[in-house]
Amino acid sequence: MTNKTAFYFPFIHVNQYVDISKKSIADCGYDVKNFKQLFSVKNLLNRRHNAVVLNWYEDRLYQKRFGPVRAFVEHFIVLFQLIFMRCFTSNIIWVRHNFKPHNRVKRPMTHKLTCAALKRLAKTIVTLEKTESFSSSVVPHPLYRDDEEMTKNISSDSETDNKVEYLFFGTIKPYKRLHDLLMLWPQHKPLKIVGYCQEPEYLEKIKAIVVSRNLNIDWQNEYVSDEYLNQLLTNTAYVFMPHSDGAMISSGTFYQAINFGVNIVCFDSFFARDKKAKHNFVHIVSEEHFEQDIENLVAVPKSVVMAEAMTWYGRSTITQAWRKLLNSSN
């Protein structure tokens, strides 16, 4: 019997999603290897037993670390790989995480062309959430903590005192609409912000709003450790996600927060409505009646949030979703 192999891109990444997904695919009976190993002669003969899983492949041209020369060379590498990939595998699975690169205001033409090529080549297009923009198979975003750790926290059933009532965290970028949140934020309510802003113009815009409105803001404008963030979330009641509609397919912020039983507060968007239909711990607030809506928030207990999160996004659930996808795409 020929072993099934999944060639995974990128094989190493700072985002924990990569290692979690590789583990789920391995648990489905696949030998998970680095995508770079795909292009060898022996894989020409085994192409029917090879699967390729591509994450952020269409975004690889737009990394900030690429200078003009490296970016130019990378275009040809992507073109070569797209042309010859199907010679080495009969099953290309494209996991699309974003609508456009986060570090581009407008979607580049090269991004559109790469996506068009992947759409034709891929046997299956996967997203981590349902999207109204195109059809896809959904394999949900996994929780960052494993089932054993989640079960331990749920069974302890001890509600912590929420030292932080309202929190906004993550890298500060315009599409996350922190500026709009601050324009509506009540002056008497404290808001904690944890996240680094790399864009000088946007940083000054945020600072100007805080000063002009005399807001009660505690902002750690820096990258923080996972340990610090996890402890903070353990003691937080609500995380705000005022992201622009259509700016993202999925968000790690959502899953990081519910890992620790935190309720989610969103402005209206397709993502928010889809999550609200599934979970009572997701709250949609109106921009027109913002202050009244946040005054009326009633938090779902942390243990309930974590139990529901594990049911929907726990490791066993995600592995089952990958198994179903891989079996159907063979």
Protein backbone atom coordinates (compact mmCIF):
# COMPACT_ATOMS: atom_id res chain seq x y z
CA MET A 1 0.00 0.00 0.00
CA THR A 2 1.41 3.39 -1.05
CA ASN A 3 1.73 5.91 1.76
CA LYS A 4 -0.26 9.11 1.44
CA THR A 5 1.84 12.28 1.62
CA ALA A 6 0.75 15.88 2.18
CA PHE A 7 3.19 18.59 1.12
CA TYR A 8 2.50 21.60 3.30
CA PHE A 9 3.16 25.31 2.65
CA PRO A 10 4.51 27.04 4.64
CA PHE A 11 6.07 24.25 6.66
CA ILE A 12 7.32 26.58 9.41
CA HIS A 13 5.47 29.72 10.52
CA VAL A 14 5.10 31.88 13.63
CA ASN A 15 1.33 31.40 13.43
CA GLN A 16 0.39 28.37 15.56
CA TYR A 17 -2.29 27.50 13.00
CA VAL A 18 0.39 25.86 10.82
CA ASP A 19 1.64 23.33 13.39
CA ILE A 20 -1.90 22.58 14.59
CA SER A 21 -3.11 21.92 11.04
CA LYS A 22 -0.10 19.76 10.17
CA LYS A 23 -0.82 17.66 13.27
CA SER A 24 -4.49 17.27 12.26
CA ILE A 25 -3.53 16.16 8.73
CA ALA A 26 -0.95 13.72 10.14
CA ASP A 27 -3.68 12.29 12.39
CA CYS A 28 -5.66 11.60 9.21
CA GLY A 29 -2.97 9.16 8.11
CA TYR A 30 -0.78 11.44 5.98
CA ASP A 31 2.97 11.83 6.09
CA VAL A 32 3.27 15.63 6.23
CA LYS A 33 6.34 17.01 4.46
CA ASN A 34 7.75 20.38 3.51
CA PHE A 35 6.25 21.75 0.28
CA LYS A 36 9.79 22.25 -1.04
CA GLN A 37 10.15 18.45 -1.23
CA LEU A 38 7.30 18.13 -3.72
CA PHE A 39 9.37 18.84 -6.82
CA SER A 40 11.34 15.59 -7.05
CA VAL A 41 11.29 12.86 -9.70
CA LYS A 42 9.80 10.19 -7.42
CA ASN A 43 6.73 12.35 -6.85
CA LEU A 44 5.97 12.25 -10.57
CA LEU A 45 5.23 8.55 -10.10
CA ASN A 46 3.29 9.00 -6.85
CA ARG A 47 1.22 12.03 -7.87
CA ARG A 48 -2.12 10.24 -7.24
CA HIS A 49 -1.11 9.68 -3.60
CA ASN A 50 0.25 13.18 -3.04
CA ALA A 51 -1.74 16.10 -1.67
CA VAL A 52 -0.56 19.71 -1.51
CA VAL A 53 -1.91 22.10 1.14
CA LEU A 54 -1.20 25.76 0.44
CA ASN A 55 -1.67 28.52 3.05
CA TRP A 56 -1.08 32.21 2.24
CA TYR A 57 0.54 31.10 -1.02
CA GLU A 58 -1.01 34.01 -2.92
CA ASP A 59 0.39 36.44 -0.33
CA ARG A 60 4.00 35.26 -0.46
CA LEU A 61 5.01 37.95 -2.96
CA TYR A 62 4.14 40.77 -0.57
CA GLN A 63 6.29 40.08 2.46
CA LYS A 64 7.85 43.21 3.93
CA ARG A 65 11.26 41.54 4.16
CA PHE A 66 11.39 41.25 0.36
CA GLY A 67 13.33 43.96 -1.39
CA PRO A 68 12.64 44.80 -5.07
CA VAL A 69 15.10 42.19 -6.40
CA ARG A 70 13.86 39.38 -4.13
CA ALA A 71 10.23 40.21 -4.94
CA PHE A 72 11.01 40.12 -8.69
CA VAL A 73 12.70 36.71 -8.36
CA GLU A 74 9.83 35.42 -6.21
CA HIS A 75 7.36 36.18 -9.02
CA PHE A 76 9.19 33.70 -11.26
CA ILE A 77 9.39 31.07 -8.50
CA VAL A 78 5.62 31.29 -7.99
CA LEU A 79 5.01 31.15 -11.75
CA PHE A 80 7.23 28.07 -12.11
CA GLN A 81 5.60 26.27 -9.21
CA LEU A 82 2.08 27.01 -10.44
CA ILE A 83 2.88 25.71 -13.92
CA PHE A 84 4.47 22.45 -12.77
CA MET A 85 2.67 21.72 -9.49
CA ARG A 86 0.01 19.52 -11.08
CA CYS A 87 2.71 17.23 -12.51
CA PHE A 88 3.61 16.16 -8.97
CA THR A 89 0.17 15.93 -7.34
CA SER A 90 -3.42 15.30 -8.33
CA ASN A 91 -4.83 17.01 -5.25
CA ILE A 92 -4.09 20.69 -4.58
CA ILE A 93 -5.89 22.13 -1.57
CA TRP A 94 -5.77 25.92 -1.41
CA VAL A 95 -6.51 27.31 2.05
CA ARG A 96 -7.42 30.94 1.46
CA HIS A 97 -7.03 33.05 4.60
CA ASN A 98 -7.48 36.61 3.28
CA PHE A 99 -9.17 38.58 0.53
CA LYS A 100 -6.00 40.62 -0.05
CA PRO A 101 -2.58 41.05 1.56
CA HIS A 102 -2.91 42.90 4.87
CA ASN A 103 0.03 45.16 4.06
CA ARG A 104 -1.53 46.47 0.83
CA VAL A 105 -4.22 49.15 0.68
CA LYS A 106 -5.36 47.98 -2.74
CA ARG A 107 -5.29 44.44 -4.08
CA PRO A 108 -2.33 44.11 -6.50
CA MET A 109 -2.93 42.77 -10.01
CA THR A 110 -0.35 40.04 -9.41
CA HIS A 111 -2.40 38.89 -6.42
CA LYS A 112 -5.52 38.67 -8.58
CA LEU A 113 -3.62 36.66 -11.22
CA THR A 114 -2.17 34.26 -8.63
CA CYS A 115 -5.62 33.71 -7.10
CA ALA A 116 -7.11 33.10 -10.55
CA ALA A 117 -4.42 30.49 -11.26
CA LEU A 118 -4.95 28.79 -7.90
CA LYS A 119 -8.70 28.72 -8.46
CA ARG A 120 -8.16 26.78 -11.72
CA LEU A 121 -5.47 24.47 -10.32
CA ALA A 122 -6.90 23.65 -6.90
CA LYS A 123 -9.12 20.63 -6.49
CA THR A 124 -10.55 22.18 -3.32
CA ILE A 125 -10.67 25.75 -2.03
CA VAL A 126 -10.79 25.83 1.76
CA THR A 127 -11.67 28.75 4.02
CA LEU A 128 -11.70 28.89 7.80
CA GLU A 129 -15.10 30.55 7.82
CA LYS A 130 -18.11 30.69 5.56
CA THR A 131 -17.80 33.58 3.10
CA GLU A 132 -20.33 35.17 0.77
CA SER A 133 -17.64 36.21 -1.72
CA PHE A 134 -16.98 32.77 -3.25
CA SER A 135 -17.83 29.11 -2.70
CA SER A 136 -15.49 27.04 -0.54
CA SER A 137 -15.26 24.07 1.79
CA VAL A 138 -14.98 25.16 5.43
CA VAL A 139 -12.42 23.63 7.76
CA PRO A 140 -12.81 25.75 10.91
CA HIS A 141 -9.97 27.66 12.49
CA PRO A 142 -8.66 25.61 15.45
CA LEU A 143 -8.37 26.80 19.01
CA TYR A 144 -4.79 27.52 20.02
CA ARG A 145 -5.05 25.35 23.16
CA ASP A 146 -5.45 21.60 22.83
CA ASP A 147 -8.51 19.62 23.98
CA GLU A 148 -6.84 18.35 27.15
CA GLU A 149 -5.96 21.84 28.34
CA MET A 150 -9.40 23.18 27.41
CA THR A 151 -11.15 20.33 29.25
CA LYS A 152 -9.04 20.97 32.35
CA ASN A 153 -10.02 24.66 32.38
CA ILE A 154 -13.69 23.93 31.74
CA SER A 155 -13.92 21.30 34.49
CA SER A 156 -12.30 23.61 37.03
CA ASP A 157 -15.39 25.81 36.53
CA SER A 158 -13.95 28.74 38.46
CA GLU A 159 -15.01 32.14 37.17
CA THR A 160 -12.16 34.65 37.54
CA ASP A 161 -12.61 38.25 38.54
CA ASN A 162 -12.38 40.31 35.37
CA LYS A 163 -9.77 42.95 36.11
CA VAL A 164 -10.16 44.19 32.53
CA GLU A 165 -13.70 44.72 31.32
CA TYR A 166 -13.00 45.88 27.74
CA LEU A 167 -9.96 44.90 25.64
CA PHE A 168 -8.75 45.47 22.09
CA PHE A 169 -5.65 43.46 21.18
CA GLY A 170 -3.54 42.50 18.18
CA THR A 171 -1.43 44.35 15.62
CA ILE A 172 -2.96 47.80 15.07
CA LYS A 173 -4.01 48.19 11.42
CA PRO A 174 -6.62 50.44 9.75
CA TYR A 175 -8.86 47.56 8.60
CA LYS A 176 -9.45 46.64 12.26
CA ARG A 177 -11.18 50.03 12.70
CA LEU A 178 -9.75 50.96 16.07
CA HIS A 179 -10.12 54.61 15.02
CA ASP A 180 -13.87 54.17 14.55
CA LEU A 181 -14.17 52.40 17.89
CA LEU A 182 -12.38 55.27 19.63
CA MET A 183 -14.58 57.87 17.97
CA LEU A 184 -17.58 56.19 19.62
CA TRP A 185 -15.99 55.16 22.91
CA PRO A 186 -17.60 56.69 26.05
CA GLN A 187 -15.20 59.02 27.84
CA HIS A 188 -15.97 57.57 31.28
CA LYS A 189 -15.27 53.93 30.38
CA PRO A 190 -11.75 52.48 30.49
CA LEU A 191 -10.48 50.59 27.44
CA LYS A 192 -7.26 48.58 27.41
CA ILE A 193 -5.41 48.27 24.10
CA VAL A 194 -2.54 45.82 23.64
CA GLY A 195 -0.87 45.82 20.25
CA TYR A 196 1.85 47.48 18.20
CA CYS A 197 1.12 50.00 15.45
CA GLN A 198 3.76 49.90 12.70
CA GLU A 199 2.27 52.66 10.54
CA PRO A 200 3.37 56.14 11.74
CA GLU A 201 0.46 57.99 10.14
CA TYR A 202 -2.13 55.68 11.64
CA LEU A 203 -0.38 55.84 15.02
CA GLU A 204 -0.67 59.64 15.02
CA LYS A 205 -4.32 59.40 14.00
CA ILE A 206 -5.10 57.12 16.95
CA LYS A 207 -3.18 59.32 19.39
CA ALA A 208 -4.97 62.42 18.15
CA ILE A 209 -8.41 60.85 18.72
CA VAL A 210 -7.49 59.75 22.24
CA VAL A 211 -6.22 63.24 23.15
CA SER A 212 -8.98 65.24 21.46
CA ARG A 213 -11.73 63.14 23.07
CA ASN A 214 -9.95 62.88 26.43
CA LEU A 215 -10.49 59.12 26.51
CA ASN A 216 -9.62 56.77 29.37
CA ILE A 217 -7.28 54.55 27.36
CA ASP A 218 -4.47 52.30 28.57
CA TRP A 219 -2.45 51.44 25.45
CA GLN A 220 0.58 49.14 25.42
CA ASN A 221 1.92 50.01 21.98
CA GLU A 222 4.24 47.02 21.79
CA TYR A 223 4.43 43.33 21.03
CA VAL A 224 3.72 41.26 24.14
CA SER A 225 4.50 37.64 24.98
CA ASP A 226 1.92 34.90 24.58
CA GLU A 227 2.14 34.28 28.33
CA TYR A 228 1.27 37.89 29.10
CA LEU A 229 -1.60 37.98 26.61
CA ASN A 230 -3.03 34.67 27.83
CA GLN A 231 -2.99 35.87 31.44
CA LEU A 232 -4.65 39.12 30.37
CA LEU A 233 -7.40 37.26 28.52
CA THR A 234 -7.99 35.06 31.55
CA ASN A 235 -8.97 38.21 33.41
CA THR A 236 -10.92 39.97 30.63
CA ALA A 237 -14.68 40.11 30.13
CA TYR A 238 -15.04 41.44 26.54
CA VAL A 239 -12.78 41.68 23.50
CA PHE A 240 -13.75 44.18 20.80
CA MET A 241 -13.48 43.24 17.11
CA PRO A 242 -14.76 46.26 15.12
CA HIS A 243 -13.16 44.98 11.87
CA SER A 244 -14.31 46.26 8.49
CA ASP A 245 -16.83 44.09 6.68
CA GLY A 246 -15.11 42.10 3.94
CA ALA A 247 -11.62 42.93 5.25
CA MET A 248 -10.90 39.39 6.40
CA ILE A 249 -12.13 35.84 6.05
CA SER A 250 -11.11 34.76 9.54
CA SER A 251 -9.41 36.30 12.55
CA GLY A 252 -7.01 34.80 15.04
CA THR A 253 -8.21 37.40 17.56
CA PHE A 254 -11.57 35.64 17.82
CA TYR A 255 -10.04 32.23 18.55
CA GLN A 256 -7.37 33.52 20.90
CA ALA A 257 -10.06 35.25 22.97
CA ILE A 258 -12.54 32.37 23.19
CA ASN A 259 -9.65 30.09 24.19
CA PHE A 260 -10.00 31.81 27.56
CA GLY A 261 -13.77 32.22 27.63
CA VAL A 262 -13.85 35.89 26.65
CA ASN A 263 -17.02 37.30 25.07
CA ILE A 264 -16.66 38.95 21.65
CA VAL A 265 -18.13 42.34 20.69
CA CYS A 266 -18.33 43.31 16.99
CA PHE A 267 -19.72 45.95 14.71
CA ASP A 268 -22.11 44.54 12.13
CA SER A 269 -20.37 42.45 9.43
CA PHE A 270 -20.86 39.15 7.63
CA PHE A 271 -18.29 37.53 9.95
CA ALA A 272 -20.08 38.88 13.04
CA ARG A 273 -23.53 37.78 11.85
CA ASP A 274 -22.27 34.30 10.98
CA LYS A 275 -20.65 33.89 14.42
CA LYS A 276 -23.61 35.42 16.25
CA ALA A 277 -25.92 32.85 14.61
CA LYS A 278 -23.78 30.11 16.20
CA HIS A 279 -22.76 31.58 19.55
CA ASN A 280 -24.49 33.60 22.27
CA PHE A 281 -21.11 34.88 23.43
CA VAL A 282 -20.82 36.98 20.26
CA HIS A 283 -22.47 40.40 20.63
CA ILE A 284 -23.15 42.81 17.75
CA VAL A 285 -23.37 46.46 18.75
CA SER A 286 -24.84 49.29 16.71
CA GLU A 287 -22.63 52.23 15.81
CA GLU A 288 -25.71 54.48 16.07
CA HIS A 289 -26.54 53.34 19.64
CA PHE A 290 -23.07 52.26 20.70
CA GLU A 291 -22.99 53.52 24.28
CA GLN A 292 -26.42 52.13 25.07
CA ASP A 293 -25.58 48.77 23.50
CA ILE A 294 -22.39 48.23 25.51
CA GLU A 295 -24.19 49.23 28.70
CA ASN A 296 -26.70 46.45 27.98
CA LEU A 297 -24.10 43.73 27.35
CA VAL A 298 -24.58 40.56 29.41
CA ALA A 299 -21.54 38.27 29.39
CA VAL A 300 -21.83 34.53 28.90
CA PRO A 301 -19.83 32.78 31.69
CA LYS A 302 -16.26 31.86 30.72
CA SER A 303 -16.75 28.12 31.33
CA VAL A 304 -19.75 28.11 28.97
CA VAL A 305 -17.80 30.00 26.29
CA MET A 306 -14.86 27.57 26.52
CA ALA A 307 -17.08 24.48 26.41
CA GLU A 308 -18.88 25.74 23.32
CA ALA A 309 -15.61 26.81 21.71
CA MET A 310 -14.14 23.35 22.19
CA THR A 311 -17.23 21.70 20.66
CA TRP A 312 -16.99 23.83 17.54
CA TYR A 313 -13.23 24.43 17.19
CA GLY A 314 -11.44 21.84 19.35
CA ARG A 315 -8.63 19.69 17.94
CA SER A 316 -10.78 16.56 17.51
CA THR A 317 -13.41 18.59 15.62
CA ILE A 318 -10.78 20.11 13.31
CA THR A 319 -9.13 16.74 12.65
CA GLN A 320 -12.51 15.28 11.73
CA ALA A 321 -13.10 18.17 9.31
CA TRP A 322 -9.71 17.58 7.65
CA ARG A 323 -10.39 13.84 7.43
CA LYS A 324 -13.71 14.43 5.70
CA LEU A 325 -12.12 16.91 3.27
CA LEU A 326 -9.14 14.72 2.42
CA ASN A 327 -11.33 11.65 1.88
CA SER A 328 -13.69 13.54 -0.41
CA SER A 329 -10.87 15.10 -2.46
CA ASN A 330 -8.98 11.86 -3.12
